[in-house]
Amino acid sequence: AKAAAAERAAAQAREAAAMAMASWIDADLPRGEANESHMYDLAAAVVHHGASAGSGHYTVFAREDETASDGVWAQFNDDKVIAADPEDVKASGGYLFFYTRRESPRDSGERRARSAGAGAGAPK
């Protein structure tokens, strides 16, 4: 029963995240560009353990490398930090989710151009 409840909560969270992200997508962008620059990866999930929000305990799952969609996960529980699998995160029934935007090739090029421009004219 607990696994089924966790799966229902995860499905609801996925649906809510999709709805929330949809409002941020610029409909004027070409379709391929929107797909590249509007992809998000889960970076962290807050999990509540207990009967109600007024009591219980919170833990966090977070990716060690938030720039990689396959980064190493860890679970933070007070002063304890242990390695976690992506499956642990999926099954946790998270309460609050944090996402990072994937960088598109266009974003990378613009960042490199800004970095190169910042150095122009600098004293040597």
Foldseek 3Di string as FASTA:
>chain_A
DLQVVLLVLLVVVVVVVVVVLVVVQDPPDPPVVSVQFSDKAWAKFKAFDDDDPVDGAIKMKGFPDQQDNLGWIWIGGPPDIGTDDPVCVSRRSTDDIDIDTHQGPVNVVVVVVVVVVVPPPDDD
